[in-house]
């Protein structure tokens, strides 16, 4: 199977960061997210400056009549709004809703990446040992290049996150790096 798109064309994928943090394990996740938000804010700025597609892929929390604006409003109205505000989508950001762990599972993301000629995804967000891991696997089987900046992904269980990053690197050929080492080729379009 041929690659899906141009491997020099990167998209920044922000996984499940629009979050109300009123779920099980939130108290374990929030400290990690607090460390990730400043790093992700800077990475978002560089991706946007390079005109790279920024795609938020987010759980819909079982709210089947919701859209991304409602999810954003709900997250911004809760206790941890300070974790959402710095990374909120801008007017050029794209948004895909998901119902399960992988950003690809029964979503239009594959088609969206194909239509943008993207061959490389930079996976960020939460949770490293769950949604990021499963998304990396699904990107790999779609013949996409994958980068995961280890300081731009949040975890619930750090030991499982370390194992997940190792699995992504060894089993899926993902490039595990830092956000500062992650570059986006400037695009005119």
C-alpha atoms as a PDB file:
ATOM      1  CA  UNK A   1       0.000   0.000   0.000  1.00  0.00           C
ATOM      2  CA  UNK A   2       1.283   3.466  -0.843  1.00  0.00           C
ATOM      3  CA  UNK A   3       1.620   6.256   1.661  1.00  0.00           C
ATOM      4  CA  UNK A   4      -1.497   8.251   2.261  1.00  0.00           C
ATOM      5  CA  UNK A   5      -0.027  11.675   1.546  1.00  0.00           C
ATOM      6  CA  UNK A   6       3.090  13.783   1.293  1.00  0.00           C
ATOM      7  CA  UNK A   7       5.404  12.729   4.168  1.00  0.00           C
ATOM      8  CA  UNK A   8       6.709  16.313   4.380  1.00  0.00           C
ATOM      9  CA  UNK A   9       3.169  17.606   4.917  1.00  0.00           C
ATOM     10  CA  UNK A  10       2.483  17.453   8.660  1.00  0.00           C
ATOM     11  CA  UNK A  11      -0.679  17.949  10.660  1.00  0.00           C
ATOM     12  CA  UNK A  12      -0.795  18.590  14.384  1.00  0.00           C
ATOM     13  CA  UNK A  13      -3.418  16.346  15.983  1.00  0.00           C
ATOM     14  CA  UNK A  14      -4.672  17.474  19.407  1.00  0.00           C
ATOM     15  CA  UNK A  15      -6.358  14.538  21.120  1.00  0.00           C
ATOM     16  CA  UNK A  16      -9.061  14.965  23.799  1.00  0.00           C
ATOM     17  CA  UNK A  17      -7.722  18.211  25.235  1.00  0.00           C
ATOM     18  CA  UNK A  18     -11.152  19.879  25.207  1.00  0.00           C
ATOM     19  CA  UNK A  19     -12.142  18.248  28.459  1.00  0.00           C
ATOM     20  CA  UNK A  20     -14.331  18.986  31.478  1.00  0.00           C
ATOM     21  CA  UNK A  21     -12.139  16.854  33.768  1.00  0.00           C
ATOM     22  CA  UNK A  22     -15.152  15.599  35.686  1.00  0.00           C
ATOM     23  CA  UNK A  23     -14.485  11.938  34.912  1.00  0.00           C
ATOM     24  CA  UNK A  24     -12.913   8.997  36.715  1.00  0.00           C
ATOM     25  CA  UNK A  25      -9.113   9.365  36.998  1.00  0.00           C
ATOM     26  CA  UNK A  26      -9.270  13.127  36.382  1.00  0.00           C
ATOM     27  CA  UNK A  27      -7.445  13.818  39.648  1.00  0.00           C
ATOM     28  CA  UNK A  28      -4.566  11.660  38.370  1.00  0.00           C
ATOM     29  CA  UNK A  29      -4.613  13.230  34.904  1.00  0.00           C
ATOM     30  CA  UNK A  30      -4.828  16.947  35.723  1.00  0.00           C
ATOM     31  CA  UNK A  31      -1.252  17.318  37.114  1.00  0.00           C
ATOM     32  CA  UNK A  32       0.146  15.839  33.898  1.00  0.00           C
ATOM     33  CA  UNK A  33      -2.083  18.068  31.758  1.00  0.00           C
ATOM     34  CA  UNK A  34      -0.877  21.122  33.709  1.00  0.00           C
ATOM     35  CA  UNK A  35       2.676  20.311  32.590  1.00  0.00           C
ATOM     36  CA  UNK A  36       1.644  19.656  28.982  1.00  0.00           C
ATOM     37  CA  UNK A  37      -0.489  22.773  28.342  1.00  0.00           C
ATOM     38  CA  UNK A  38       2.392  25.320  28.132  1.00  0.00           C
ATOM     39  CA  UNK A  39       4.355  22.979  25.850  1.00  0.00           C
ATOM     40  CA  UNK A  40       1.325  22.326  23.643  1.00  0.00           C
ATOM     41  CA  UNK A  41       0.510  26.050  23.519  1.00  0.00           C
ATOM     42  CA  UNK A  42       3.966  26.759  22.085  1.00  0.00           C
ATOM     43  CA  UNK A  43       3.710  23.828  19.647  1.00  0.00           C
ATOM     44  CA  UNK A  44       0.291  25.019  18.455  1.00  0.00           C
ATOM     45  CA  UNK A  45       1.766  28.454  17.806  1.00  0.00           C
ATOM     46  CA  UNK A  46       4.573  27.029  15.691  1.00  0.00           C
ATOM     47  CA  UNK A  47       2.212  24.761  13.732  1.00  0.00           C
ATOM     48  CA  UNK A  48      -0.126  27.660  13.024  1.00  0.00           C
ATOM     49  CA  UNK A  49       2.779  29.917  12.028  1.00  0.00           C
ATOM     50  CA  UNK A  50       3.930  27.270   9.523  1.00  0.00           C
ATOM     51  CA  UNK A  51       0.353  26.995   8.207  1.00  0.00           C
ATOM     52  CA  UNK A  52       0.245  23.307   9.146  1.00  0.00           C
ATOM     53  CA  UNK A  53      -3.236  21.872   9.620  1.00  0.00           C
ATOM     54  CA  UNK A  54      -4.249  21.779  13.276  1.00  0.00           C
ATOM     55  CA  UNK A  55      -6.904  19.166  13.908  1.00  0.00           C
ATOM     56  CA  UNK A  56      -8.599  18.711  17.260  1.00  0.00           C
ATOM     57  CA  UNK A  57      -9.997  15.207  17.640  1.00  0.00           C
ATOM     58  CA  UNK A  58     -12.096  14.952  20.734  1.00  0.00           C
ATOM     59  CA  UNK A  59     -14.410  12.619  22.588  1.00  0.00           C
ATOM     60  CA  UNK A  60     -18.010  13.660  22.389  1.00  0.00           C
ATOM     61  CA  UNK A  61     -18.614  12.401  25.962  1.00  0.00           C
ATOM     62  CA  UNK A  62     -21.673  10.500  24.718  1.00  0.00           C
ATOM     63  CA  UNK A  63     -23.421  13.746  23.788  1.00  0.00           C
ATOM     64  CA  UNK A  64     -24.617  12.697  20.354  1.00  0.00           C
ATOM     65  CA  UNK A  65     -26.374  15.985  19.638  1.00  0.00           C
ATOM     66  CA  UNK A  66     -23.392  18.134  20.486  1.00  0.00           C
ATOM     67  CA  UNK A  67     -20.901  19.883  18.258  1.00  0.00           C
ATOM     68  CA  UNK A  68     -17.417  21.170  18.948  1.00  0.00           C
ATOM     69  CA  UNK A  69     -18.600  24.609  20.080  1.00  0.00           C
ATOM     70  CA  UNK A  70     -20.788  23.082  22.755  1.00  0.00           C
ATOM     71  CA  UNK A  71     -17.957  20.854  23.958  1.00  0.00           C
ATOM     72  CA  UNK A  72     -15.639  23.859  24.129  1.00  0.00           C
ATOM     73  CA  UNK A  73     -18.228  25.926  26.015  1.00  0.00           C
ATOM     74  CA  UNK A  74     -18.797  23.094  28.509  1.00  0.00           C
ATOM     75  CA  UNK A  75     -15.063  22.691  29.127  1.00  0.00           C
ATOM     76  CA  UNK A  76     -14.542  26.439  29.526  1.00  0.00           C
ATOM     77  CA  UNK A  77     -17.382  26.652  32.061  1.00  0.00           C
ATOM     78  CA  UNK A  78     -15.839  24.107  34.434  1.00  0.00           C
ATOM     79  CA  UNK A  79     -13.218  24.169  37.171  1.00  0.00           C
ATOM     80  CA  UNK A  80     -10.266  23.459  34.865  1.00  0.00           C
ATOM     81  CA  UNK A  81     -10.979  26.082  32.197  1.00  0.00           C
ATOM     82  CA  UNK A  82      -7.400  27.330  32.688  1.00  0.00           C
ATOM     83  CA  UNK A  83      -6.257  24.112  30.973  1.00  0.00           C
ATOM     84  CA  UNK A  84      -8.467  24.754  27.938  1.00  0.00           C
ATOM     85  CA  UNK A  85      -8.139  28.487  27.333  1.00  0.00           C
ATOM     86  CA  UNK A  86      -4.470  28.549  26.182  1.00  0.00           C
ATOM     87  CA  UNK A  87      -4.994  25.711  23.689  1.00  0.00           C
ATOM     88  CA  UNK A  88      -8.476  26.468  22.420  1.00  0.00           C
ATOM     89  CA  UNK A  89      -9.091  26.062  18.695  1.00  0.00           C
ATOM     90  CA  UNK A  90      -8.700  29.162  16.557  1.00  0.00           C
ATOM     91  CA  UNK A  91     -10.784  30.049  13.479  1.00  0.00           C
ATOM     92  CA  UNK A  92      -8.588  27.928  11.162  1.00  0.00           C
ATOM     93  CA  UNK A  93      -8.548  24.830  13.362  1.00  0.00           C
ATOM     94  CA  UNK A  94     -10.357  21.727  12.191  1.00  0.00           C
ATOM     95  CA  UNK A  95     -12.408  19.578  14.545  1.00  0.00           C
ATOM     96  CA  UNK A  96     -13.369  15.900  14.441  1.00  0.00           C
ATOM     97  CA  UNK A  97     -15.557  14.220  17.048  1.00  0.00           C
ATOM     98  CA  UNK A  98     -14.809  10.653  18.108  1.00  0.00           C
ATOM     99  CA  UNK A  99     -16.590   8.163  20.299  1.00  0.00           C
ATOM    100  CA  UNK A 100     -13.801   5.687  21.057  1.00  0.00           C
ATOM    101  CA  UNK A 101     -10.077   5.725  21.835  1.00  0.00           C
ATOM    102  CA  UNK A 102      -8.490   6.031  18.391  1.00  0.00           C
ATOM    103  CA  UNK A 103      -8.794   9.286  16.473  1.00  0.00           C
ATOM    104  CA  UNK A 104      -9.374   7.172  13.356  1.00  0.00           C
ATOM    105  CA  UNK A 105     -12.041   4.741  14.596  1.00  0.00           C
ATOM    106  CA  UNK A 106     -15.219   5.495  12.628  1.00  0.00           C
ATOM    107  CA  UNK A 107     -14.282   9.156  12.121  1.00  0.00           C
ATOM    108  CA  UNK A 108     -13.608  11.059   8.885  1.00  0.00           C
ATOM    109  CA  UNK A 109     -10.001  11.777   9.920  1.00  0.00           C
ATOM    110  CA  UNK A 110      -8.402   9.475   7.310  1.00  0.00           C
ATOM    111  CA  UNK A 111     -10.323  11.190   4.546  1.00  0.00           C
ATOM    112  CA  UNK A 112      -9.544  14.633   5.950  1.00  0.00           C
ATOM    113  CA  UNK A 113      -5.807  13.896   6.061  1.00  0.00           C
ATOM    114  CA  UNK A 114      -5.928  12.477   2.531  1.00  0.00           C
ATOM    115  CA  UNK A 115      -7.760  15.578   1.265  1.00  0.00           C
ATOM    116  CA  UNK A 116      -5.068  17.784   2.845  1.00  0.00           C
ATOM    117  CA  UNK A 117      -2.290  15.592   1.355  1.00  0.00           C
ATOM    118  CA  UNK A 118      -0.950  14.949   4.870  1.00  0.00           C
ATOM    119  CA  UNK A 119       1.494  12.059   5.207  1.00  0.00           C
ATOM    120  CA  UNK A 120       2.830  12.841   8.689  1.00  0.00           C
ATOM    121  CA  UNK A 121       0.904  13.322  11.920  1.00  0.00           C
ATOM    122  CA  UNK A 122       2.178  14.830  15.147  1.00  0.00           C
ATOM    123  CA  UNK A 123       0.120  13.309  17.943  1.00  0.00           C
ATOM    124  CA  UNK A 124      -0.382  15.363  21.108  1.00  0.00           C
ATOM    125  CA  UNK A 125      -2.882  15.426  23.934  1.00  0.00           C
ATOM    126  CA  UNK A 126      -4.234  12.813  26.258  1.00  0.00           C
ATOM    127  CA  UNK A 127      -3.998  10.072  27.381  1.00  0.00           C
ATOM    128  CA  UNK A 128      -0.591   8.716  26.294  1.00  0.00           C
ATOM    129  CA  UNK A 129      -1.265   5.152  27.410  1.00  0.00           C
ATOM    130  CA  UNK A 130      -4.740   5.067  25.873  1.00  0.00           C
ATOM    131  CA  UNK A 131      -5.963   7.325  23.066  1.00  0.00           C
ATOM    132  CA  UNK A 132      -2.519   8.464  21.898  1.00  0.00           C
ATOM    133  CA  UNK A 133      -1.236   4.878  21.778  1.00  0.00           C
ATOM    134  CA  UNK A 134      -4.251   3.543  19.849  1.00  0.00           C
ATOM    135  CA  UNK A 135      -4.178   6.517  17.487  1.00  0.00           C
ATOM    136  CA  UNK A 136      -0.480   5.947  16.772  1.00  0.00           C
ATOM    137  CA  UNK A 137      -1.207   2.326  15.895  1.00  0.00           C
ATOM    138  CA  UNK A 138      -4.048   3.310  13.573  1.00  0.00           C
ATOM    139  CA  UNK A 139      -1.872   5.976  11.921  1.00  0.00           C
ATOM    140  CA  UNK A 140       0.888   3.398  11.436  1.00  0.00           C
ATOM    141  CA  UNK A 141      -1.411   0.887   9.753  1.00  0.00           C
ATOM    142  CA  UNK A 142      -2.565   3.699   7.437  1.00  0.00           C
ATOM    143  CA  UNK A 143       1.079   4.211   6.395  1.00  0.00           C
ATOM    144  CA  UNK A 144       1.326   7.658   7.951  1.00  0.00           C
ATOM    145  CA  UNK A 145       4.568   8.903   9.489  1.00  0.00           C
ATOM    146  CA  UNK A 146       4.049   9.476  13.216  1.00  0.00           C
ATOM    147  CA  UNK A 147       5.782  11.792  15.675  1.00  0.00           C
ATOM    148  CA  UNK A 148       4.868  11.934  19.354  1.00  0.00           C
ATOM    149  CA  UNK A 149       6.463  14.740  21.384  1.00  0.00           C
ATOM    150  CA  UNK A 150       6.764  13.095  24.807  1.00  0.00           C
ATOM    151  CA  UNK A 151       6.372  16.437  26.586  1.00  0.00           C
ATOM    152  CA  UNK A 152       3.147  17.264  24.704  1.00  0.00           C
ATOM    153  CA  UNK A 153       1.196  14.196  25.814  1.00  0.00           C
ATOM    154  CA  UNK A 154      -0.413  13.747  29.227  1.00  0.00           C
ATOM    155  CA  UNK A 155      -0.844  10.537  31.169  1.00  0.00           C
ATOM    156  CA  UNK A 156      -2.765   9.047  34.047  1.00  0.00           C
ATOM    157  CA  UNK A 157      -0.129   6.434  34.894  1.00  0.00           C
ATOM    158  CA  UNK A 158       3.452   7.553  34.075  1.00  0.00           C
ATOM    159  CA  UNK A 159       4.859   3.999  34.013  1.00  0.00           C
ATOM    160  CA  UNK A 160       2.244   2.950  31.450  1.00  0.00           C
ATOM    161  CA  UNK A 161       2.908   6.129  29.446  1.00  0.00           C
ATOM    162  CA  UNK A 162       6.610   5.255  29.273  1.00  0.00           C
ATOM    163  CA  UNK A 163       5.762   1.755  28.076  1.00  0.00           C
ATOM    164  CA  UNK A 164       3.308   3.174  25.513  1.00  0.00           C
ATOM    165  CA  UNK A 165       5.930   5.555  24.125  1.00  0.00           C
ATOM    166  CA  UNK A 166       8.395   2.682  23.845  1.00  0.00           C
ATOM    167  CA  UNK A 167       5.795   0.556  22.048  1.00  0.00           C
ATOM    168  CA  UNK A 168       5.016   3.382  19.621  1.00  0.00           C
ATOM    169  CA  UNK A 169       8.705   3.769  18.826  1.00  0.00           C
ATOM    170  CA  UNK A 170       9.618   0.083  18.571  1.00  0.00           C
ATOM    171  CA  UNK A 171       6.462  -1.453  17.138  1.00  0.00           C
ATOM    172  CA  UNK A 172       5.072   1.389  15.049  1.00  0.00           C
ATOM    173  CA  UNK A 173       8.177   3.247  13.946  1.00  0.00           C
ATOM    174  CA  UNK A 174       6.980   6.436  15.615  1.00  0.00           C
ATOM    175  CA  UNK A 175       9.504   9.191  16.182  1.00  0.00           C
ATOM    176  CA  UNK A 176       9.461   9.983  19.903  1.00  0.00           C
ATOM    177  CA  UNK A 177      10.893  13.425  20.436  1.00  0.00           C
ATOM    178  CA  UNK A 178      10.279  16.667  22.320  1.00  0.00           C
ATOM    179  CA  UNK A 179       8.030  19.497  21.233  1.00  0.00           C
ATOM    180  CA  UNK A 180      11.041  21.761  20.625  1.00  0.00           C
ATOM    181  CA  UNK A 181      12.507  19.143  18.266  1.00  0.00           C
ATOM    182  CA  UNK A 182       9.230  18.877  16.336  1.00  0.00           C
ATOM    183  CA  UNK A 183       9.260  20.951  13.193  1.00  0.00           C
ATOM    184  CA  UNK A 184       6.599  21.893  10.679  1.00  0.00           C
ATOM    185  CA  UNK A 185       7.559  22.613   7.092  1.00  0.00           C
ATOM    186  CA  UNK A 186       6.170  26.081   6.243  1.00  0.00           C
ATOM    187  CA  UNK A 187       3.331  25.901   3.700  1.00  0.00           C
ATOM    188  CA  UNK A 188       1.885  28.639   1.545  1.00  0.00           C
ATOM    189  CA  UNK A 189      -1.597  27.166   1.070  1.00  0.00           C
END
